[in-house]
Amino acid sequence: DIVRAKAGGQDVFYGYNDGIFELVKQSGASMKMSANQTIQNTVW
């Protein structure tokens, strides 16, 4: 009971029987810094 879509052999969409759907490769990222960064006074 899952609907899938593929494009060029890549799974791109899942639709589940509870109404939830998943865009498997949708663009997105969570960016972070590896260390604290000093911001000088009045300097962008």
All heavy atoms as atom14 arrays in JSON, in Angstrom:
{
  "sequence": "DIVRAKAGGQDVFYGYNDGIFELVKQSGASMKMSANQTIQNTVW",
  "atom14_mask": [
    [1, 1, 1, 1, 1, 1, 1, 1, 0, 0, 0, 0, 0, 0],
    [1, 1, 1, 1, 1, 1, 1, 1, 0, 0, 0, 0, 0, 0],
    [1, 1, 1, 1, 1, 1, 1, 0, 0, 0, 0, 0, 0, 0],
    [1, 1, 1, 1, 1, 1, 1, 1, 1, 1, 1, 0, 0, 0],
    [1, 1, 1, 1, 1, 0, 0, 0, 0, 0, 0, 0, 0, 0],
    [1, 1, 1, 1, 1, 1, 1, 1, 1, 0, 0, 0, 0, 0],
    [1, 1, 1, 1, 1, 0, 0, 0, 0, 0, 0, 0, 0, 0],
    [1, 1, 1, 1, 0, 0, 0, 0, 0, 0, 0, 0, 0, 0],
    [1, 1, 1, 1, 0, 0, 0, 0, 0, 0, 0, 0, 0, 0],
    [1, 1, 1, 1, 1, 1, 1, 1, 1, 0, 0, 0, 0, 0],
    [1, 1, 1, 1, 1, 1, 1, 1, 0, 0, 0, 0, 0, 0],
    [1, 1, 1, 1, 1, 1, 1, 0, 0, 0, 0, 0, 0, 0],
    [1, 1, 1, 1, 1, 1, 1, 1, 1, 1, 1, 0, 0, 0],
    [1, 1, 1, 1, 1, 1, 1, 1, 1, 1, 1, 1, 0, 0],
    [1, 1, 1, 1, 0, 0, 0, 0, 0, 0, 0, 0, 0, 0],
    [1, 1, 1, 1, 1, 1, 1, 1, 1, 1, 1, 1, 0, 0],
    [1, 1, 1, 1, 1, 1, 1, 1, 0, 0, 0, 0, 0, 0],
    [1, 1, 1, 1, 1, 1, 1, 1, 0, 0, 0, 0, 0, 0],
    [1, 1, 1, 1, 0, 0, 0, 0, 0, 0, 0, 0, 0, 0],
    [1, 1, 1, 1, 1, 1, 1, 1, 0, 0, 0, 0, 0, 0],
    [1, 1, 1, 1, 1, 1, 1, 1, 1, 1, 1, 0, 0, 0],
    [1, 1, 1, 1, 1, 1, 1, 1, 1, 0, 0, 0, 0, 0],
    [1, 1, 1, 1, 1, 1, 1, 1, 0, 0, 0, 0, 0, 0],
    [1, 1, 1, 1, 1, 1, 1, 0, 0, 0, 0, 0, 0, 0],
    [1, 1, 1, 1, 1, 1, 1, 1, 1, 0, 0, 0, 0, 0],
    [1, 1, 1, 1, 1, 1, 1, 1, 1, 0, 0, 0, 0, 0],
    [1, 1, 1, 1, 1, 1, 0, 0, 0, 0, 0, 0, 0, 0],
    [1, 1, 1, 1, 0, 0, 0, 0, 0, 0, 0, 0, 0, 0],
    [1, 1, 1, 1, 1, 0, 0, 0, 0, 0, 0, 0, 0, 0],
    [1, 1, 1, 1, 1, 1, 0, 0, 0, 0, 0, 0, 0, 0],
    [1, 1, 1, 1, 1, 1, 1, 1, 0, 0, 0, 0, 0, 0],
    [1, 1, 1, 1, 1, 1, 1, 1, 1, 0, 0, 0, 0, 0],
    [1, 1, 1, 1, 1, 1, 1, 1, 0, 0, 0, 0, 0, 0],
    [1, 1, 1, 1, 1, 1, 0, 0, 0, 0, 0, 0, 0, 0],
    [1, 1, 1, 1, 1, 0, 0, 0, 0, 0, 0, 0, 0, 0],
    [1, 1, 1, 1, 1, 1, 1, 1, 0, 0, 0, 0, 0, 0],
    [1, 1, 1, 1, 1, 1, 1, 1, 1, 0, 0, 0, 0, 0],
    [1, 1, 1, 1, 1, 1, 1, 0, 0, 0, 0, 0, 0, 0],
    [1, 1, 1, 1, 1, 1, 1, 1, 0, 0, 0, 0, 0, 0],
    [1, 1, 1, 1, 1, 1, 1, 1, 1, 0, 0, 0, 0, 0],
    [1, 1, 1, 1, 1, 1, 1, 1, 0, 0, 0, 0, 0, 0],
    [1, 1, 1, 1, 1, 1, 1, 0, 0, 0, 0, 0, 0, 0],
    [1, 1, 1, 1, 1, 1, 1, 0, 0, 0, 0, 0, 0, 0],
    [1, 1, 1, 1, 1, 1, 1, 1, 1, 1, 1, 1, 1, 1]
  ],
  "atom14_positions": [
    [[0.82, -1.22, 0.0], [0.0, 0.0, 0.0], [0.85, 1.27, 0.0], [0.61, 2.2, 0.77], [-0.96, 0.01, 1.2], [-1.99, -1.11, 1.12], [-2.35, -1.49, 0.0], [-2.4, -1.61, 2.18], [0.0, 0.0, 0.0], [0.0, 0.0, 0.0], [0.0, 0.0, 0.0], [0.0, 0.0, 0.0], [0.0, 0.0, 0.0], [0.0, 0.0, 0.0]],
    [[1.84, 1.3, -0.84], [2.67, 2.48, -1.04], [2.72, 2.8, -2.53], [2.94, 1.92, -3.35], [4.11, 2.29, -0.51], [4.1, 2.05, 0.99], [4.97, 3.51, -0.83], [5.47, 1.74, 1.56], [0.0, 0.0, 0.0], [0.0, 0.0, 0.0], [0.0, 0.0, 0.0], [0.0, 0.0, 0.0], [0.0, 0.0, 0.0], [0.0, 0.0, 0.0]],
    [[2.49, 4.08, -2.87], [2.66, 4.54, -4.24], [4.04, 5.18, -4.34], [4.42, 5.99, -3.5], [1.58, 5.58, -4.61], [1.84, 6.13, -6.01], [0.19, 4.96, -4.53], [0.0, 0.0, 0.0], [0.0, 0.0, 0.0], [0.0, 0.0, 0.0], [0.0, 0.0, 0.0], [0.0, 0.0, 0.0], [0.0, 0.0, 0.0], [0.0, 0.0, 0.0]],
    [[4.8, 4.76, -5.35], [6.13, 5.31, -5.57], [6.21, 5.94, -6.95], [5.54, 5.5, -7.88], [7.19, 4.22, -5.46], [7.45, 3.7, -4.06], [8.57, 2.66, -4.11], [9.01, 2.27, -2.8], [8.45, 1.32, -2.06], [7.39, 0.68, -2.53], [8.91, 1.02, -0.86], [0.0, 0.0, 0.0], [0.0, 0.0, 0.0], [0.0, 0.0, 0.0]],
    [[7.07, 6.94, -7.06], [7.4, 7.5, -8.37], [8.92, 7.48, -8.53], [9.65, 7.79, -7.58], [6.88, 8.92, -8.5], [0.0, 0.0, 0.0], [0.0, 0.0, 0.0], [0.0, 0.0, 0.0], [0.0, 0.0, 0.0], [0.0, 0.0, 0.0], [0.0, 0.0, 0.0], [0.0, 0.0, 0.0], [0.0, 0.0, 0.0], [0.0, 0.0, 0.0]],
    [[9.35, 7.1, -9.72], [10.78, 7.11, -10.05], [10.99, 7.99, -11.27], [10.15, 8.07, -12.15], [11.29, 5.7, -10.37], [11.34, 4.75, -9.19], [12.21, 3.53, -9.48], [11.74, 2.75, -10.7], [12.57, 1.53, -10.91], [0.0, 0.0, 0.0], [0.0, 0.0, 0.0], [0.0, 0.0, 0.0], [0.0, 0.0, 0.0], [0.0, 0.0, 0.0]],
    [[12.14, 8.65, -11.32], [12.54, 9.42, -12.49], [13.99, 9.08, -12.79], [14.86, 9.26, -11.93], [12.38, 10.91, -12.25], [0.0, 0.0, 0.0], [0.0, 0.0, 0.0], [0.0, 0.0, 0.0], [0.0, 0.0, 0.0], [0.0, 0.0, 0.0], [0.0, 0.0, 0.0], [0.0, 0.0, 0.0], [0.0, 0.0, 0.0], [0.0, 0.0, 0.0]],
    [[14.24, 8.54, -13.97], [15.59, 8.13, -14.33], [16.17, 7.09, -13.41], [17.38, 7.07, -13.17], [0.0, 0.0, 0.0], [0.0, 0.0, 0.0], [0.0, 0.0, 0.0], [0.0, 0.0, 0.0], [0.0, 0.0, 0.0], [0.0, 0.0, 0.0], [0.0, 0.0, 0.0], [0.0, 0.0, 0.0], [0.0, 0.0, 0.0], [0.0, 0.0, 0.0]],
    [[15.32, 6.21, -12.85], [15.77, 5.15, -11.96], [15.9, 5.56, -10.5], [16.2, 4.73, -9.64], [0.0, 0.0, 0.0], [0.0, 0.0, 0.0], [0.0, 0.0, 0.0], [0.0, 0.0, 0.0], [0.0, 0.0, 0.0], [0.0, 0.0, 0.0], [0.0, 0.0, 0.0], [0.0, 0.0, 0.0], [0.0, 0.0, 0.0], [0.0, 0.0, 0.0]],
    [[15.68, 6.84, -10.19], [15.81, 7.36, -8.83], [14.44, 7.5, -8.18], [13.56, 8.15, -8.76], [16.52, 8.71, -8.84], [16.51, 9.46, -7.52], [17.35, 8.79, -6.47], [18.54, 8.59, -6.67], [16.74, 8.46, -5.35], [0.0, 0.0, 0.0], [0.0, 0.0, 0.0], [0.0, 0.0, 0.0], [0.0, 0.0, 0.0], [0.0, 0.0, 0.0]],
    [[14.23, 6.91, -7.0], [12.99, 7.14, -6.27], [12.88, 8.62, -5.92], [13.81, 9.19, -5.33], [12.96, 6.31, -4.98], [12.63, 4.85, -5.22], [12.34, 4.49, -6.38], [12.65, 4.06, -4.26], [0.0, 0.0, 0.0], [0.0, 0.0, 0.0], [0.0, 0.0, 0.0], [0.0, 0.0, 0.0], [0.0, 0.0, 0.0], [0.0, 0.0, 0.0]],
    [[11.75, 9.25, -6.26], [11.58, 10.67, -5.99], [10.36, 10.97, -5.13], [10.25, 12.07, -4.57], [11.5, 11.49, -7.3], [12.81, 11.4, -8.06], [10.34, 11.02, -8.17], [0.0, 0.0, 0.0], [0.0, 0.0, 0.0], [0.0, 0.0, 0.0], [0.0, 0.0, 0.0], [0.0, 0.0, 0.0], [0.0, 0.0, 0.0], [0.0, 0.0, 0.0]],
    [[9.43, 10.02, -5.01], [8.19, 10.28, -4.28], [7.67, 9.0, -3.67], [7.67, 7.94, -4.3], [7.13, 10.85, -5.25], [5.75, 10.97, -4.65], [5.38, 12.1, -3.95], [4.82, 9.95, -4.79], [4.1, 12.21, -3.4], [3.55, 10.04, -4.25], [3.19, 11.17, -3.55], [0.0, 0.0, 0.0], [0.0, 0.0, 0.0], [0.0, 0.0, 0.0]],
    [[7.22, 9.07, -2.39], [6.49, 7.98, -1.75], [5.16, 8.53, -1.25], [5.12, 9.61, -0.65], [7.24, 7.42, -0.53], [8.58, 6.77, -0.82], [9.53, 6.66, 0.2], [8.9, 6.28, -2.07], [10.76, 6.07, -0.04], [10.12, 5.69, -2.31], [11.06, 5.58, -1.3], [12.28, 5.0, -1.54], [0.0, 0.0, 0.0], [0.0, 0.0, 0.0]],
    [[4.09, 7.8, -1.48], [2.79, 8.14, -0.92], [2.29, 6.99, -0.08], [2.22, 5.84, -0.55], [0.0, 0.0, 0.0], [0.0, 0.0, 0.0], [0.0, 0.0, 0.0], [0.0, 0.0, 0.0], [0.0, 0.0, 0.0], [0.0, 0.0, 0.0], [0.0, 0.0, 0.0], [0.0, 0.0, 0.0], [0.0, 0.0, 0.0], [0.0, 0.0, 0.0]],
    [[1.97, 7.25, 1.19], [1.62, 6.19, 2.14], [0.11, 6.15, 2.37], [-0.61, 7.12, 2.11], [2.35, 6.42, 3.47], [3.85, 6.42, 3.34], [4.55, 7.62, 3.21], [4.58, 5.24, 3.33], [5.93, 7.64, 3.08], [5.96, 5.24, 3.21], [6.63, 6.44, 3.08], [8.0, 6.46, 2.94], [0.0, 0.0, 0.0], [0.0, 0.0, 0.0]],
    [[-0.36, 5.02, 2.89], [-1.81, 4.82, 3.05], [-2.41, 5.62, 4.2], [-3.62, 5.6, 4.39], [-2.14, 3.34, 3.19], [-1.53, 2.7, 4.43], [-0.84, 3.37, 5.2], [-1.74, 1.41, 4.61], [0.0, 0.0, 0.0], [0.0, 0.0, 0.0], [0.0, 0.0, 0.0], [0.0, 0.0, 0.0], [0.0, 0.0, 0.0], [0.0, 0.0, 0.0]],
    [[-1.59, 6.34, 4.96], [-2.13, 7.22, 6.0], [-2.24, 8.66, 5.5], [-2.56, 9.57, 6.26], [-1.27, 7.18, 7.26], [0.2, 7.46, 7.01], [0.54, 7.87, 5.86], [1.01, 7.25, 7.92], [0.0, 0.0, 0.0], [0.0, 0.0, 0.0], [0.0, 0.0, 0.0], [0.0, 0.0, 0.0], [0.0, 0.0, 0.0], [0.0, 0.0, 0.0]],
    [[-1.97, 8.87, 4.2], [-2.07, 10.2, 3.62], [-0.79, 11.01, 3.66], [-0.72, 12.1, 3.08], [0.0, 0.0, 0.0], [0.0, 0.0, 0.0], [0.0, 0.0, 0.0], [0.0, 0.0, 0.0], [0.0, 0.0, 0.0], [0.0, 0.0, 0.0], [0.0, 0.0, 0.0], [0.0, 0.0, 0.0], [0.0, 0.0, 0.0], [0.0, 0.0, 0.0]],
    [[0.24, 10.5, 4.3], [1.53, 11.19, 4.35], [2.29, 10.9, 3.06], [2.27, 9.79, 2.55], [2.35, 10.73, 5.56], [1.64, 11.13, 6.87], [3.77, 11.3, 5.53], [2.3, 10.57, 8.11], [0.0, 0.0, 0.0], [0.0, 0.0, 0.0], [0.0, 0.0, 0.0], [0.0, 0.0, 0.0], [0.0, 0.0, 0.0], [0.0, 0.0, 0.0]],
    [[2.95, 11.93, 2.51], [3.8, 11.7, 1.35], [5.2, 12.23, 1.61], [5.41, 13.08, 2.47], [3.21, 12.33, 0.08], [3.18, 13.83, 0.08], [4.25, 14.55, -0.39], [2.06, 14.51, 0.53], [4.23, 15.94, -0.41], [2.02, 15.9, 0.51], [3.11, 16.62, 0.05], [0.0, 0.0, 0.0], [0.0, 0.0, 0.0], [0.0, 0.0, 0.0]],
    [[6.15, 11.71, 0.87], [7.56, 12.01, 1.08], [8.21, 12.32, -0.26], [8.14, 11.5, -1.19], [8.25, 10.83, 1.74], [9.73, 10.98, 1.98], [10.35, 9.76, 2.63], [9.61, 8.82, 2.97], [11.58, 9.75, 2.78], [0.0, 0.0, 0.0], [0.0, 0.0, 0.0], [0.0, 0.0, 0.0], [0.0, 0.0, 0.0], [0.0, 0.0, 0.0]],
    [[8.83, 13.5, -0.37], [9.65, 13.83, -1.53], [11.08, 13.41, -1.19], [11.79, 14.09, -0.45], [9.57, 15.32, -1.82], [8.16, 15.84, -2.15], [8.17, 17.36, -2.32], [7.6, 15.17, -3.39], [0.0, 0.0, 0.0], [0.0, 0.0, 0.0], [0.0, 0.0, 0.0], [0.0, 0.0, 0.0], [0.0, 0.0, 0.0], [0.0, 0.0, 0.0]],
    [[11.47, 12.27, -1.72], [12.66, 11.57, -1.23], [13.93, 12.39, -1.39], [14.81, 12.38, -0.53], [12.79, 10.22, -1.96], [13.98, 9.43, -1.42], [11.51, 9.4, -1.83], [0.0, 0.0, 0.0], [0.0, 0.0, 0.0], [0.0, 0.0, 0.0], [0.0, 0.0, 0.0], [0.0, 0.0, 0.0], [0.0, 0.0, 0.0], [0.0, 0.0, 0.0]],
    [[14.06, 13.11, -2.48], [15.29, 13.85, -2.76], [15.06, 15.35, -2.85], [15.78, 16.07, -3.53], [15.91, 13.35, -4.07], [16.32, 11.89, -4.05], [17.52, 11.64, -3.16], [18.79, 12.18, -3.78], [19.99, 11.88, -2.97], [0.0, 0.0, 0.0], [0.0, 0.0, 0.0], [0.0, 0.0, 0.0], [0.0, 0.0, 0.0], [0.0, 0.0, 0.0]],
    [[14.04, 15.85, -2.14], [13.76, 17.29, -2.2], [14.94, 18.1, -1.69], [15.58, 17.76, -0.69], [12.51, 17.61, -1.38], [12.1, 19.07, -1.36], [11.66, 19.58, -2.71], [12.42, 19.55, -3.66], [10.43, 20.05, -2.81], [0.0, 0.0, 0.0], [0.0, 0.0, 0.0], [0.0, 0.0, 0.0], [0.0, 0.0, 0.0], [0.0, 0.0, 0.0]],
    [[15.22, 19.18, -2.37], [16.34, 20.05, -2.04], [16.21, 20.6, -0.62], [15.15, 21.07, -0.22], [16.39, 21.2, -3.05], [17.38, 22.13, -2.71], [0.0, 0.0, 0.0], [0.0, 0.0, 0.0], [0.0, 0.0, 0.0], [0.0, 0.0, 0.0], [0.0, 0.0, 0.0], [0.0, 0.0, 0.0], [0.0, 0.0, 0.0], [0.0, 0.0, 0.0]],
    [[17.3, 20.58, 0.13], [17.3, 21.14, 1.48], [18.59, 20.85, 2.22], [19.28, 19.88, 1.92], [0.0, 0.0, 0.0], [0.0, 0.0, 0.0], [0.0, 0.0, 0.0], [0.0, 0.0, 0.0], [0.0, 0.0, 0.0], [0.0, 0.0, 0.0], [0.0, 0.0, 0.0], [0.0, 0.0, 0.0], [0.0, 0.0, 0.0], [0.0, 0.0, 0.0]],
    [[18.92, 21.73, 3.17], [20.14, 21.55, 3.95], [20.04, 22.29, 5.27], [19.3, 23.28, 5.4], [21.35, 22.07, 3.17], [0.0, 0.0, 0.0], [0.0, 0.0, 0.0], [0.0, 0.0, 0.0], [0.0, 0.0, 0.0], [0.0, 0.0, 0.0], [0.0, 0.0, 0.0], [0.0, 0.0, 0.0], [0.0, 0.0, 0.0], [0.0, 0.0, 0.0]],
    [[20.78, 21.8, 6.25], [20.95, 22.48, 7.53], [22.44, 22.79, 7.68], [23.27, 21.88, 7.83], [20.47, 21.6, 8.68], [20.76, 22.19, 9.93], [0.0, 0.0, 0.0], [0.0, 0.0, 0.0], [0.0, 0.0, 0.0], [0.0, 0.0, 0.0], [0.0, 0.0, 0.0], [0.0, 0.0, 0.0], [0.0, 0.0, 0.0], [0.0, 0.0, 0.0]],
    [[22.77, 24.08, 7.62], [24.16, 24.52, 7.64], [24.6, 24.88, 9.06], [23.81, 25.41, 9.84], [24.32, 25.72, 6.7], [23.83, 25.47, 5.29], [23.61, 26.99, 4.31], [25.29, 27.6, 4.25], [0.0, 0.0, 0.0], [0.0, 0.0, 0.0], [0.0, 0.0, 0.0], [0.0, 0.0, 0.0], [0.0, 0.0, 0.0], [0.0, 0.0, 0.0]],
    [[25.85, 24.62, 9.37], [26.37, 24.94, 10.69], [27.83, 25.39, 10.57], [28.45, 25.29, 9.5], [26.27, 23.75, 11.63], [27.12, 22.55, 11.23], [26.92, 21.4, 12.21], [27.78, 20.19, 11.85], [27.58, 19.08, 12.81], [0.0, 0.0, 0.0], [0.0, 0.0, 0.0], [0.0, 0.0, 0.0], [0.0, 0.0, 0.0], [0.0, 0.0, 0.0]],
    [[28.37, 25.89, 11.68], [29.76, 26.34, 11.73], [30.57, 25.36, 12.57], [30.11, 24.87, 13.59], [29.83, 27.75, 12.34], [28.97, 28.78, 11.62], [29.27, 30.49, 12.19], [29.04, 30.31, 13.96], [0.0, 0.0, 0.0], [0.0, 0.0, 0.0], [0.0, 0.0, 0.0], [0.0, 0.0, 0.0], [0.0, 0.0, 0.0], [0.0, 0.0, 0.0]],
    [[31.8, 25.11, 12.14], [32.64, 24.16, 12.86], [33.29, 24.76, 14.11], [33.83, 24.04, 14.95], [33.73, 23.62, 11.93], [34.55, 24.67, 11.46], [0.0, 0.0, 0.0], [0.0, 0.0, 0.0], [0.0, 0.0, 0.0], [0.0, 0.0, 0.0], [0.0, 0.0, 0.0], [0.0, 0.0, 0.0], [0.0, 0.0, 0.0], [0.0, 0.0, 0.0]],
    [[33.24, 26.08, 14.24], [33.84, 26.76, 15.41], [33.11, 28.08, 15.63], [32.43, 28.6, 14.73], [35.32, 27.0, 15.19], [0.0, 0.0, 0.0], [0.0, 0.0, 0.0], [0.0, 0.0, 0.0], [0.0, 0.0, 0.0], [0.0, 0.0, 0.0], [0.0, 0.0, 0.0], [0.0, 0.0, 0.0], [0.0, 0.0, 0.0], [0.0, 0.0, 0.0]],
    [[33.26, 28.64, 16.82], [32.75, 29.99, 17.07], [33.4, 30.97, 16.1], [34.54, 30.77, 15.66], [33.05, 30.44, 18.49], [32.28, 29.64, 19.53], [31.35, 28.9, 19.2], [32.67, 29.78, 20.79], [0.0, 0.0, 0.0], [0.0, 0.0, 0.0], [0.0, 0.0, 0.0], [0.0, 0.0, 0.0], [0.0, 0.0, 0.0], [0.0, 0.0, 0.0]],
    [[32.67, 32.05, 15.77], [33.2, 33.04, 14.85], [33.16, 34.42, 15.48], [32.13, 34.84, 16.03], [32.39, 33.05, 13.54], [32.9, 34.05, 12.52], [32.1, 34.01, 11.23], [31.17, 33.22, 11.08], [32.46, 34.87, 10.28], [0.0, 0.0, 0.0], [0.0, 0.0, 0.0], [0.0, 0.0, 0.0], [0.0, 0.0, 0.0], [0.0, 0.0, 0.0]],
    [[34.26, 35.13, 15.41], [34.34, 36.48, 15.97], [33.73, 37.5, 15.01], [34.07, 37.53, 13.82], [35.8, 36.87, 16.24], [36.35, 35.96, 17.22], [35.9, 38.29, 16.78], [0.0, 0.0, 0.0], [0.0, 0.0, 0.0], [0.0, 0.0, 0.0], [0.0, 0.0, 0.0], [0.0, 0.0, 0.0], [0.0, 0.0, 0.0], [0.0, 0.0, 0.0]],
    [[32.81, 38.31, 15.54], [32.21, 39.4, 14.78], [32.72, 40.7, 15.38], [32.48, 41.0, 16.56], [30.67, 39.36, 14.86], [30.14, 37.97, 14.48], [30.07, 40.45, 13.97], [30.47, 37.53, 13.08], [0.0, 0.0, 0.0], [0.0, 0.0, 0.0], [0.0, 0.0, 0.0], [0.0, 0.0, 0.0], [0.0, 0.0, 0.0], [0.0, 0.0, 0.0]],
    [[33.45, 41.48, 14.61], [33.99, 42.74, 15.11], [32.88, 43.76, 15.3], [31.83, 43.7, 14.67], [35.04, 43.29, 14.14], [36.27, 42.42, 14.0], [37.27, 42.98, 13.01], [37.02, 44.01, 12.37], [38.41, 42.32, 12.88], [0.0, 0.0, 0.0], [0.0, 0.0, 0.0], [0.0, 0.0, 0.0], [0.0, 0.0, 0.0], [0.0, 0.0, 0.0]],
    [[33.14, 44.7, 16.19], [32.18, 45.76, 16.46], [31.92, 46.59, 15.2], [32.86, 47.03, 14.53], [32.73, 46.66, 17.58], [31.72, 47.7, 18.02], [30.6, 47.37, 18.41], [32.13, 48.97, 17.98], [0.0, 0.0, 0.0], [0.0, 0.0, 0.0], [0.0, 0.0, 0.0], [0.0, 0.0, 0.0], [0.0, 0.0, 0.0], [0.0, 0.0, 0.0]],
    [[30.64, 46.76, 14.85], [30.16, 47.57, 13.72], [30.73, 47.14, 12.37], [30.91, 47.97, 11.48], [30.44, 49.08, 13.94], [31.85, 49.32, 13.88], [29.88, 49.57, 15.27], [0.0, 0.0, 0.0], [0.0, 0.0, 0.0], [0.0, 0.0, 0.0], [0.0, 0.0, 0.0], [0.0, 0.0, 0.0], [0.0, 0.0, 0.0], [0.0, 0.0, 0.0]],
    [[30.98, 45.86, 12.19], [31.48, 45.34, 10.9], [30.57, 44.2, 10.44], [30.45, 43.18, 11.12], [32.93, 44.83, 11.02], [33.39, 44.23, 9.69], [33.87, 45.95, 11.44], [0.0, 0.0, 0.0], [0.0, 0.0, 0.0], [0.0, 0.0, 0.0], [0.0, 0.0, 0.0], [0.0, 0.0, 0.0], [0.0, 0.0, 0.0], [0.0, 0.0, 0.0]],
    [[29.91, 44.39, 9.28], [29.13, 43.3, 8.73], [30.06, 42.15, 8.34], [31.08, 42.36, 7.67], [28.36, 43.75, 7.49], [27.07, 44.45, 7.8], [26.8, 45.77, 7.69], [25.87, 43.83, 8.26], [25.5, 46.04, 8.05], [24.89, 44.85, 8.41], [25.5, 42.52, 8.57], [23.6, 44.61, 8.85], [24.21, 42.27, 9.01], [23.28, 43.3, 9.15]]
  ]
}
